[in-house]
Every structure is written in C-alpha cells, then in structure tokens.
Amino acid sequence: MATLKNALFKPRWLLPALLVLLLAGWAVRHFWFTPAPPPQVATAPALRADIEDTVLATGTIGAAKLVSVGAQVTGQVKVLSVALGDVVKQGQPIAEIDALPAQNALRNAQAQVKSAEAQARAKQAALAQAELVARRQRELVAADAGARADLEAAEATLATTRAELAAQQAQIAQAKVAESTAQLNLSYTRVTAPMDGVVVAIVTEQGQTVNANQSAPTIIKLARLDTMTVKAQISEADVSKVKPGMPVYFNLLGEPDRRIEARLRAVEPGPTTIATDTNTNASTTSSTNAIYYNGIFDVPNSDGRLRINMTAQATIVLASAKQVLTVPSAALGARDREGFYKVRVQQEDGRIVEKKLRIGLNNRVQAQVLDGLKEGELVITSEAVAGAGPSLGRRGAPRMF
C-alpha cells in the first residue's frame, strides 16, 4: 500500500524539482558565465568634402593710402573748406591760413630785389666811368703826357668797381631766392588736397592757430577708401609656411557669415614690434613675448562697408582639395615607416578590423584619404568603452543586489 502511494505522489514532486534545477542552472549561467557585451565605440563615415590646411591670423583693416594734410606756415586757419566724410579731388582747396604775414614777407623780398637791382645799376654806371678814366690814362701815358701813378690808380679803381658790380649781382640773385621763398610760403597759406580721397579726420578746426616752427601741424587726414589694406598678425610658428600669393579670406566681427576673399601680397620681414623696439638684437628679446609678423593683403571696397581699424578674422589657405574622400584626423593611428596610417574600421557585422591608409592633406581636423578606404566605411574615432552589464565575466564575482 505504501509503495502504491509513493508511485502516485512521485510525478507531482518531480516537475517542481526539475523547474528548480532549471532556474538554478539559468541563474548560474547568467551571473557567472555571461560573456561581456560587445564594446561601444564612436565612429564616423568616410565622406567626400572640401578640405583646407590653413593658418589663422587676426588683422586690422586700414586705408590703402592715408595722408596727414598739414600746414607749412604759421598762422590762424581762416577758412576750412571741407567737412568730415567729404570726398575731395586732388588740388581741391582744403583750408586757408592767414596770408598777411606771408604777403608782407613777399613784399619785403620784392623790395630787396629792387634795391639790389638799383645798386647794381649804380655800380654799372661807376664801372663805365672807371673804364673811361682808365682808357684816358692809358692814352696819356702812351703819349708821355700823363703820370704812370695816375694810370695805376685808374686801373685799381676799375678793378674794384668790377668786383663790386659782381658782388651786387650776387646780392640780386640772393634777393631773388628770398623772393621765391616768400612766394612759396605765400602759396602754402592755401592748403590743397594732395590726392583724391575721403576726409576721415578733422584735426585742426577753423579759427585755430597752427605753428609750423615746432612741427608740421596736421589739419585733416585724407584717405583712399576704394581699396583697403589688411595687416594680419601671423605667429612665428606659422610664418615660415606662409608665402605671398596664397589665397586669403576673412570676415568681420559684425558680419561673421560674410566671407571676403583676397590674396596675400606680402609678409613683412620684421616683427610687428620692430618699429617700437629700442633694441632689435634677438639675444636681448624676452622669450616670454609672443612674436608676430604682418601678412599684408588688399581688398576692394567699392561699397564702403570696410572701415579703418576694423578687426578682420583672417584665414590664410596653405593648401586645399575639393570633394575628396576625408576622415576625421582623430581616427588616424600611428604612421609607419612606409608613410601609411593605421585606422580601425567597423564592418557591417560589427567586427572591427585594422586598415592602412595613405593620407594626403591633413589639417588636424579632417584628413584626405588617398588610398585604403572606401566612401561610407565607418572609422573608429575613439577608444572602446566597456558596456554596462550584470556580469563581470567568467572569472568575476556575481553582481550583488
């Protein structure tokens, strides 16, 4: 009877026991033997794009030509004929300075010329008389009718008169030079524009007195604004890469989306501080000071949007390539002796393989792929990050909850 009961109850306990064993096996396998999840990586596709290797420089916009129009005579500015922003032509009147002192100086110089010429005429008359006296004394001495002493005195008087006349003629020339100088100074009282341009500054107002004896005073500043010149500061680390003729583009602080293109005209041989340095000896220059060199380029300004002293964020293009296959520079590994770069590529099935690429232009952001990769392939741009899972691996300890 007991055997019959055991046979009847055995199937009822067997099924739960099997379920318990299966759950225990699954738990052991899940917590102790689950393999690590595949690594999570950052990738980027190989794409076709334009690429440039550039040098950045910050520059200042200036007029292609800026002239300080000043006065060369001392006096009060009686008339100022221009206003700020006026467009003037070469020879156009700018200002008039009190001309009375210059006019008086000219009259005095003209009087000196007339006085010298009158004295010269008197000397010419005296010379004619001296020549007659000398001729008469020669005739008397030749006829033994006159004393030789009288002839000698007449000859001396003649020579002296000729010398005095020559000196007087020199005084005439000197007086005429003074007259010409006075005439020139009078013309300086009328200041005219030395070139076509725009009045960009009024330094001396009407009614002010200028003193040309101390320094050449500036009345206005005149600039040519149809063409602007940009001086962009290039660091000493980059200046050796830059050459005249290279393409340049820049934008303004107020118009960051507007791209203005030009070509580099020149690179100044000396640093930007050379004009103010008291000692340009390289051995005495402090190594803590940054050294910059001006790269110069010209920009048409027919619309007048560029203004003096604007800041230009300039980019000098060292090299460029259009619509070439590119990858992020961060994906490039070490370069071998043959010049190839190693990259890791994630294939469609998730596997990661290593390839060798031949790289062309590299601006440290994007690199041009010459060989070794196809468009659309995914390159790994960062190291793998371990996935977060409930297991630490076959030999690890189970995660505790």
Protein backbone atom coordinates (compact mmCIF):
# COMPACT_ATOMS: atom_id res chain seq x y z
CA MET A 1 0.00 0.00 0.00
CA ALA A 2 2.90 2.38 0.82
CA THR A 3 4.59 1.56 -2.44
CA LEU A 4 1.45 2.45 -4.30
CA LYS A 5 1.26 5.84 -2.53
CA ASN A 6 4.90 6.67 -3.39
CA ALA A 7 4.25 5.85 -7.01
CA LEU A 8 1.18 8.09 -7.07
CA PHE A 9 2.92 11.15 -5.43
CA LYS A 10 6.29 10.94 -7.26
CA PRO A 11 5.23 12.71 -10.53
CA ARG A 12 3.79 15.58 -8.51
CA TRP A 13 7.18 16.37 -6.88
CA LEU A 14 9.31 15.59 -9.92
CA LEU A 15 8.08 18.51 -12.04
CA PRO A 16 8.75 21.24 -9.42
CA ALA A 17 12.15 19.75 -8.75
CA LEU A 18 13.02 19.93 -12.41
CA LEU A 19 11.84 23.55 -12.57
CA VAL A 20 14.01 24.44 -9.58
CA LEU A 21 17.03 22.82 -11.18
CA LEU A 22 16.44 24.67 -14.46
CA LEU A 23 16.11 28.02 -12.68
CA ALA A 24 19.27 27.36 -10.71
CA GLY A 25 21.14 26.49 -13.91
CA TRP A 26 19.92 29.63 -15.64
CA ALA A 27 20.95 31.77 -12.66
CA VAL A 28 24.41 30.23 -12.55
CA ARG A 29 24.88 30.70 -16.28
CA HIS A 30 23.53 34.27 -16.19
CA PHE A 31 25.53 35.52 -13.20
CA TRP A 32 28.74 33.51 -13.60
CA PHE A 33 29.13 32.62 -17.24
CA THR A 34 27.56 35.50 -19.28
CA PRO A 35 30.15 36.85 -21.76
CA ALA A 36 30.95 40.60 -21.74
CA PRO A 37 28.78 42.66 -24.12
CA PRO A 38 30.39 43.94 -27.31
CA PRO A 39 32.29 47.26 -26.87
CA GLN A 40 30.57 50.58 -27.60
CA VAL A 41 32.67 52.75 -29.98
CA ALA A 42 32.32 56.17 -31.62
CA THR A 43 32.50 56.01 -35.41
CA ALA A 44 32.40 58.41 -38.34
CA PRO A 45 31.86 57.64 -42.02
CA ALA A 46 34.40 58.40 -44.74
CA LEU A 47 32.80 61.20 -46.74
CA ARG A 48 33.66 63.41 -49.69
CA ALA A 49 34.19 67.04 -48.78
CA ASP A 50 36.35 70.10 -49.36
CA ILE A 51 39.41 70.31 -47.13
CA GLU A 52 41.83 73.12 -46.40
CA ASP A 53 45.07 73.46 -44.47
CA THR A 54 45.01 76.98 -43.06
CA VAL A 55 46.73 79.47 -40.79
CA LEU A 56 44.57 81.77 -38.67
CA ALA A 57 45.52 85.39 -38.11
CA THR A 58 43.84 88.43 -36.61
CA GLY A 59 44.30 91.63 -38.56
CA THR A 60 43.39 95.29 -38.67
CA ILE A 61 41.86 96.98 -41.70
CA GLY A 62 43.43 100.22 -42.85
CA ALA A 63 43.22 102.55 -45.82
CA ALA A 64 45.41 101.68 -48.78
CA LYS A 65 46.78 105.22 -48.51
CA LEU A 66 46.40 107.61 -45.58
CA VAL A 67 47.86 111.11 -45.72
CA SER A 68 48.05 113.73 -42.99
CA VAL A 69 47.46 117.05 -44.73
CA GLY A 70 49.21 119.76 -42.76
CA ALA A 71 50.34 123.39 -42.84
CA GLN A 72 53.85 124.51 -43.72
CA VAL A 73 53.38 128.06 -42.44
CA THR A 74 52.41 129.51 -39.09
CA GLY A 75 49.14 131.33 -38.74
CA GLN A 76 45.45 131.17 -37.98
CA VAL A 77 43.19 128.90 -40.03
CA LYS A 78 40.86 131.46 -41.58
CA VAL A 79 38.83 129.07 -43.76
CA LEU A 80 38.25 125.32 -43.53
CA SER A 81 36.64 124.24 -46.80
CA VAL A 82 35.88 120.57 -46.04
CA ALA A 83 33.89 118.57 -43.51
CA LEU A 84 34.28 115.10 -42.10
CA GLY A 85 33.38 112.46 -44.69
CA ASP A 86 33.70 114.76 -47.71
CA VAL A 87 35.04 113.26 -50.94
CA VAL A 88 37.70 115.55 -52.39
CA LYS A 89 39.76 115.63 -55.58
CA GLN A 90 43.45 116.29 -55.95
CA GLY A 91 44.12 120.05 -55.91
CA GLN A 92 40.80 120.91 -54.26
CA PRO A 93 41.09 123.66 -51.56
CA ILE A 94 41.21 122.30 -48.03
CA ALA A 95 41.99 125.31 -45.87
CA GLU A 96 43.30 128.87 -45.96
CA ILE A 97 45.72 130.20 -43.37
CA ASP A 98 46.11 133.89 -42.56
CA ALA A 99 48.16 135.11 -45.53
CA LEU A 100 49.02 138.63 -44.33
CA PRO A 101 52.40 137.74 -42.76
CA ALA A 102 53.40 135.81 -45.88
CA GLN A 103 52.25 138.64 -48.13
CA ASN A 104 54.30 141.14 -46.14
CA ALA A 105 57.32 138.89 -46.32
CA LEU A 106 56.89 138.64 -50.09
CA ARG A 107 56.61 142.42 -50.46
CA ASN A 108 59.77 142.85 -48.39
CA ALA A 109 61.61 140.32 -50.54
CA GLN A 110 60.46 142.03 -53.72
CA ALA A 111 61.69 145.37 -52.34
CA GLN A 112 65.07 143.82 -51.57
CA VAL A 113 65.31 142.63 -55.16
CA LYS A 114 64.53 146.10 -56.48
CA SER A 115 67.04 147.70 -54.11
CA ALA A 116 69.75 145.27 -55.17
CA GLU A 117 69.00 145.86 -58.83
CA ALA A 118 69.17 149.66 -58.31
CA GLN A 119 72.54 149.36 -56.58
CA ALA A 120 73.73 147.17 -59.43
CA ARG A 121 72.75 149.83 -61.95
CA ALA A 122 74.71 152.39 -59.94
CA LYS A 123 77.72 150.12 -59.95
CA GLN A 124 77.38 149.64 -63.71
CA ALA A 125 77.47 153.45 -64.14
CA ALA A 126 80.53 153.68 -61.89
CA LEU A 127 82.15 150.90 -63.91
CA ALA A 128 81.56 152.75 -67.16
CA GLN A 129 83.14 155.87 -65.70
CA ALA A 130 86.10 153.89 -64.35
CA GLU A 131 86.64 152.33 -67.79
CA LEU A 132 86.70 155.81 -69.41
CA VAL A 133 89.19 157.12 -66.86
CA ALA A 134 91.43 154.12 -67.30
CA ARG A 135 91.34 154.40 -71.09
CA ARG A 136 92.23 158.11 -70.92
CA GLN A 137 95.13 157.47 -68.57
CA ARG A 138 96.48 154.77 -70.89
CA GLU A 139 96.39 157.22 -73.82
CA LEU A 140 98.18 159.90 -71.81
CA VAL A 141 100.88 157.53 -70.64
CA ALA A 142 101.32 156.25 -74.19
CA ALA A 143 101.86 159.87 -75.35
CA ASP A 144 104.19 160.62 -72.37
CA ALA A 145 101.65 163.17 -71.26
CA GLY A 146 100.48 161.54 -68.04
CA ALA A 147 101.93 160.07 -64.90
CA ARG A 148 102.07 156.28 -64.52
CA ALA A 149 100.82 156.64 -60.94
CA ASP A 150 97.58 158.11 -62.22
CA LEU A 151 97.21 155.18 -64.64
CA GLU A 152 97.77 152.68 -61.86
CA ALA A 153 95.14 154.36 -59.67
CA ALA A 154 92.65 154.33 -62.55
CA GLU A 155 93.29 150.62 -63.19
CA ALA A 156 92.80 149.84 -59.49
CA THR A 157 89.54 151.78 -59.41
CA LEU A 158 88.34 149.92 -62.50
CA ALA A 159 89.10 146.50 -60.96
CA THR A 160 87.44 147.44 -57.68
CA THR A 161 84.31 148.66 -59.44
CA ARG A 162 84.07 145.43 -61.45
CA ALA A 163 84.34 143.37 -58.25
CA GLU A 164 81.68 145.46 -56.53
CA LEU A 165 79.37 145.01 -59.51
CA ALA A 166 79.85 141.24 -59.37
CA ALA A 167 79.07 141.27 -55.65
CA GLN A 168 75.98 143.34 -56.29
CA GLN A 169 74.81 140.89 -58.95
CA ALA A 170 75.21 138.09 -56.40
CA GLN A 171 73.09 140.09 -53.97
CA ILE A 172 70.43 140.36 -56.65
CA ALA A 173 70.44 136.58 -57.07
CA GLN A 174 70.21 136.16 -53.31
CA ALA A 175 67.33 138.62 -53.09
CA LYS A 176 65.52 136.77 -55.87
CA VAL A 177 65.90 133.48 -53.96
CA ALA A 178 64.37 135.15 -50.91
CA GLU A 179 61.58 136.45 -53.12
CA SER A 180 60.93 132.95 -54.48
CA THR A 181 60.87 131.54 -50.94
CA ALA A 182 58.42 134.22 -49.84
CA GLN A 183 56.25 133.48 -52.87
CA LEU A 184 56.31 129.76 -51.98
CA ASN A 185 55.42 130.47 -48.35
CA LEU A 186 52.50 132.56 -49.53
CA SER A 187 51.26 129.63 -51.64
CA TYR A 188 51.48 127.43 -48.53
CA THR A 189 48.75 129.51 -46.91
CA ARG A 190 46.34 127.86 -49.34
CA VAL A 191 46.25 124.16 -48.45
CA THR A 192 45.02 121.82 -51.19
CA ALA A 193 44.35 118.08 -51.37
CA PRO A 194 47.46 116.11 -52.43
CA MET A 195 45.31 113.25 -53.82
CA ASP A 196 41.77 112.04 -54.34
CA GLY A 197 40.25 110.70 -51.15
CA VAL A 198 37.84 110.98 -48.26
CA VAL A 199 38.26 113.27 -45.25
CA VAL A 200 38.49 110.78 -42.37
CA ALA A 201 39.54 113.18 -39.61
CA ILE A 202 39.47 116.91 -38.83
CA VAL A 203 42.42 117.66 -36.58
CA THR A 204 42.50 121.47 -36.70
CA GLU A 205 39.27 123.45 -36.64
CA GLN A 206 38.65 126.81 -38.28
CA GLY A 207 39.96 129.63 -36.10
CA GLN A 208 42.78 127.63 -34.54
CA THR A 209 46.38 128.79 -34.90
CA VAL A 210 48.98 126.40 -36.25
CA ASN A 211 52.68 126.68 -35.53
CA ALA A 212 54.86 125.25 -38.28
CA ASN A 213 58.07 126.27 -36.48
CA GLN A 214 57.85 123.41 -34.00
CA SER A 215 56.41 120.62 -36.14
CA ALA A 216 54.28 120.21 -39.23
CA PRO A 217 50.75 120.61 -37.84
CA THR A 218 48.02 118.37 -39.28
CA ILE A 219 44.79 119.98 -40.42
CA ILE A 220 42.93 116.95 -41.81
CA LYS A 221 43.59 113.30 -42.60
CA LEU A 222 42.79 112.15 -46.10
CA ALA A 223 42.40 108.50 -47.07
CA ARG A 224 41.83 106.40 -50.16
CA LEU A 225 38.96 104.08 -49.19
CA ASP A 226 38.22 102.45 -52.54
CA THR A 227 40.86 99.86 -51.64
CA MET A 228 41.64 98.76 -48.09
CA THR A 229 44.81 97.13 -46.82
CA VAL A 230 44.68 94.46 -44.11
CA LYS A 231 47.64 93.69 -41.88
CA ALA A 232 47.12 90.28 -40.28
CA GLN A 233 49.37 89.13 -37.47
CA ILE A 234 50.90 85.70 -38.17
CA SER A 235 52.62 83.86 -35.33
CA GLU A 236 56.26 82.89 -35.67
CA ALA A 237 55.23 79.21 -35.58
CA ASP A 238 53.24 79.66 -38.81
CA VAL A 239 55.05 82.44 -40.68
CA SER A 240 57.52 80.05 -42.33
CA LYS A 241 54.60 78.26 -44.04
CA VAL A 242 53.09 81.43 -45.49
CA LYS A 243 54.10 82.80 -48.89
CA PRO A 244 52.93 85.81 -50.94
CA GLY A 245 50.24 84.91 -53.45
CA MET A 246 48.40 82.48 -51.17
CA PRO A 247 44.59 82.78 -51.01
CA VAL A 248 43.16 84.62 -48.01
CA TYR A 249 39.63 85.06 -46.78
CA PHE A 250 38.33 86.89 -43.74
CA ASN A 251 35.18 88.04 -42.02
CA LEU A 252 34.28 90.93 -39.76
CA LEU A 253 33.16 90.84 -36.15
CA GLY A 254 29.89 92.46 -37.15
CA GLU A 255 29.37 90.17 -40.17
CA PRO A 256 30.68 86.73 -39.20
CA ASP A 257 28.83 85.00 -42.07
CA ARG A 258 30.19 87.26 -44.80
CA ARG A 259 33.33 85.81 -46.40
CA ILE A 260 35.64 88.28 -48.16
CA GLU A 261 38.38 86.81 -50.35
CA ALA A 262 41.77 88.22 -51.35
CA ARG A 263 45.37 87.17 -51.98
CA LEU A 264 48.37 87.69 -49.73
CA ARG A 265 50.52 90.48 -51.16
CA ALA A 266 53.49 90.37 -48.84
CA VAL A 267 54.82 89.24 -45.47
CA GLU A 268 56.80 91.85 -43.58
CA PRO A 269 60.37 90.66 -42.88
CA GLY A 270 60.45 92.17 -39.39
CA PRO A 271 58.12 91.54 -36.44
CA THR A 272 55.23 93.84 -35.67
CA THR A 273 57.14 95.42 -32.78
CA ILE A 274 60.25 96.35 -34.77
CA ALA A 275 59.15 100.00 -35.19
CA THR A 276 58.90 100.48 -31.42
CA ASP A 277 61.76 98.28 -30.25
CA THR A 278 64.70 100.27 -28.87
CA ASN A 279 66.94 97.26 -29.29
CA THR A 280 66.19 94.76 -32.05
CA ASN A 281 69.00 92.40 -31.10
CA ALA A 282 67.44 88.93 -30.92
CA SER A 283 69.65 87.94 -27.99
CA THR A 284 68.06 90.61 -25.79
CA THR A 285 64.45 89.82 -26.73
CA SER A 286 62.44 88.24 -23.95
CA SER A 287 61.43 84.68 -24.79
CA THR A 288 58.13 85.17 -22.97
CA ASN A 289 56.86 87.65 -25.55
CA ALA A 290 54.88 86.26 -28.47
CA ILE A 291 56.34 87.20 -31.85
CA TYR A 292 54.07 88.07 -34.79
CA TYR A 293 54.69 89.13 -38.38
CA ASN A 294 52.29 91.13 -40.54
CA GLY A 295 50.83 89.47 -43.60
CA ILE A 296 49.54 92.17 -45.96
CA PHE A 297 46.73 91.91 -48.50
CA ASP A 298 44.49 94.38 -50.32
CA VAL A 299 40.70 94.27 -50.64
CA PRO A 300 38.44 96.29 -52.98
CA ASN A 301 35.98 98.44 -51.05
CA SER A 302 33.70 99.91 -53.68
CA ASP A 303 30.65 99.63 -51.41
CA GLY A 304 32.42 101.33 -48.49
CA ARG A 305 31.50 98.62 -45.99
CA LEU A 306 35.07 98.20 -44.82
CA ARG A 307 36.23 100.89 -42.41
CA ILE A 308 39.54 101.93 -40.92
CA ASN A 309 40.64 99.96 -37.83
CA MET A 310 38.02 97.23 -38.21
CA THR A 311 39.13 93.81 -36.95
CA ALA A 312 39.47 91.08 -39.57
CA GLN A 313 39.50 87.39 -38.63
CA ALA A 314 41.72 86.19 -41.46
CA THR A 315 42.36 82.68 -42.74
CA ILE A 316 45.37 82.04 -44.99
CA VAL A 317 44.95 78.92 -47.15
CA LEU A 318 48.20 76.93 -47.32
CA ALA A 319 46.69 74.11 -49.41
CA SER A 320 43.23 72.87 -50.39
CA ALA A 321 41.46 69.98 -52.10
CA LYS A 322 37.90 69.86 -53.46
CA GLN A 323 35.46 66.96 -52.97
CA VAL A 324 37.99 64.40 -51.80
CA LEU A 325 37.48 61.42 -49.50
CA THR A 326 38.03 62.51 -45.90
CA VAL A 327 38.03 61.03 -42.40
CA PRO A 328 38.41 62.72 -39.02
CA SER A 329 42.06 63.18 -38.07
CA ALA A 330 41.23 61.68 -34.67
CA ALA A 331 40.72 58.31 -36.38
CA LEU A 332 44.33 58.14 -37.57
CA GLY A 333 46.71 55.95 -35.64
CA ALA A 334 50.47 55.85 -35.76
CA ARG A 335 52.34 56.36 -39.03
CA ASP A 336 54.66 53.55 -40.08
CA ARG A 337 57.99 53.79 -41.87
CA GLU A 338 56.33 53.47 -45.27
CA GLY A 339 54.14 56.51 -44.60
CA PHE A 340 50.87 54.63 -44.01
CA TYR A 341 48.49 55.41 -41.15
CA LYS A 342 46.62 52.73 -39.23
CA VAL A 343 42.88 53.08 -38.70
CA ARG A 344 40.28 50.81 -37.14
CA VAL A 345 37.19 50.21 -39.27
CA GLN A 346 33.88 48.81 -38.06
CA GLN A 347 32.33 46.50 -40.61
CA GLU A 348 28.62 45.91 -41.21
CA ASP A 349 28.53 42.83 -38.93
CA GLY A 350 30.04 44.83 -36.06
CA ARG A 351 33.51 43.36 -36.31
CA ILE A 352 36.43 45.75 -36.05
CA VAL A 353 39.32 45.40 -38.48
CA GLU A 354 42.51 47.35 -38.94
CA LYS A 355 43.44 49.02 -42.23
CA LYS A 356 46.33 51.07 -43.57
CA LEU A 357 45.64 54.38 -45.29
CA ARG A 358 47.70 56.69 -47.42
CA ILE A 359 46.92 60.25 -46.29
CA GLY A 360 47.29 63.47 -48.26
CA LEU A 361 46.22 66.82 -46.84
CA ASN A 362 45.73 66.81 -43.07
CA ASN A 363 44.58 69.95 -41.26
CA ARG A 364 44.42 68.18 -37.86
CA VAL A 365 40.62 68.14 -38.05
CA GLN A 366 40.00 66.27 -41.29
CA ALA A 367 42.42 64.20 -43.35
CA GLN A 368 42.34 63.43 -47.07
CA VAL A 369 42.33 59.70 -47.86
CA LEU A 370 44.36 58.88 -50.95
CA ASP A 371 44.15 55.10 -50.73
CA GLY A 372 42.98 52.30 -48.45
CA LEU A 373 39.35 53.19 -47.71
CA LYS A 374 36.01 53.40 -49.50
CA GLU A 375 33.38 56.07 -49.18
CA GLY A 376 30.87 55.30 -46.44
CA GLU A 377 33.07 52.97 -44.39
CA LEU A 378 32.96 53.64 -40.64
CA VAL A 379 36.22 54.53 -38.94
CA ILE A 380 36.57 54.46 -35.16
CA THR A 381 37.34 57.88 -33.78
CA SER A 382 37.65 57.00 -30.08
CA GLU A 383 38.71 54.13 -27.85
CA ALA A 384 36.16 51.41 -26.96
CA VAL A 385 34.05 51.93 -23.85
CA ALA A 386 33.16 48.85 -21.79
CA GLY A 387 29.43 48.10 -21.85
CA ALA A 388 27.48 48.10 -18.58
CA GLY A 389 26.19 44.58 -17.82
CA PRO A 390 25.14 42.48 -14.88
CA SER A 391 28.21 40.23 -15.08
CA LEU A 392 31.92 40.85 -14.73
CA GLY A 393 32.88 37.85 -16.85
CA ARG A 394 33.60 34.15 -16.40
CA ARG A 395 36.04 34.65 -13.53
CA GLY A 396 34.34 37.62 -11.91
CA ALA A 397 32.19 37.71 -8.86
CA PRO A 398 28.40 37.93 -9.23
CA ARG A 399 26.79 41.35 -9.04
CA MET A 400 25.07 41.81 -5.68
CA PHE A 401 21.66 43.46 -5.46
